[in-house]
Amino acid sequence: MIQLEEALARPEFESIDLDIAVADAHDHITDAVHGLTTSDSEEGTKYRTTNGMLVAIVGTSSANRDGERATIAYRTAPPSEPATRKAAKIADALKSYAVDR
């Protein structure tokens, strides 16, 4: 299974620190993209397509100073995959909450 820290380091994933709580990020994701399954794990919530391909992982940021903030690792490659296109929609829905690391 892919962990959040591992996904952050993989070349087919990019990550964004967000200035919102994990629960709020989840709400934005479910509003932006339909047809994803979720599973909770120690490091956060994993979002997958119905065929099982990992789209994104949302967890608590390690740069957490002012309360809970979310970090998302989302798929950016290969571009032709439906999971990558869904991940782009997620990133677009959350980009206004992005903060510098």
Foldseek 3Di string as FASTA:
>chain_A
DDAPVNLCPDPQKHKFWFPDAQVVLVVLLCVQDPQWDWDADPAAIWTAHPVGHTAKGKGFDPPDDPDTIIMMIGGCPDPVDPSNVSSVSSCVSGVVGGDDD
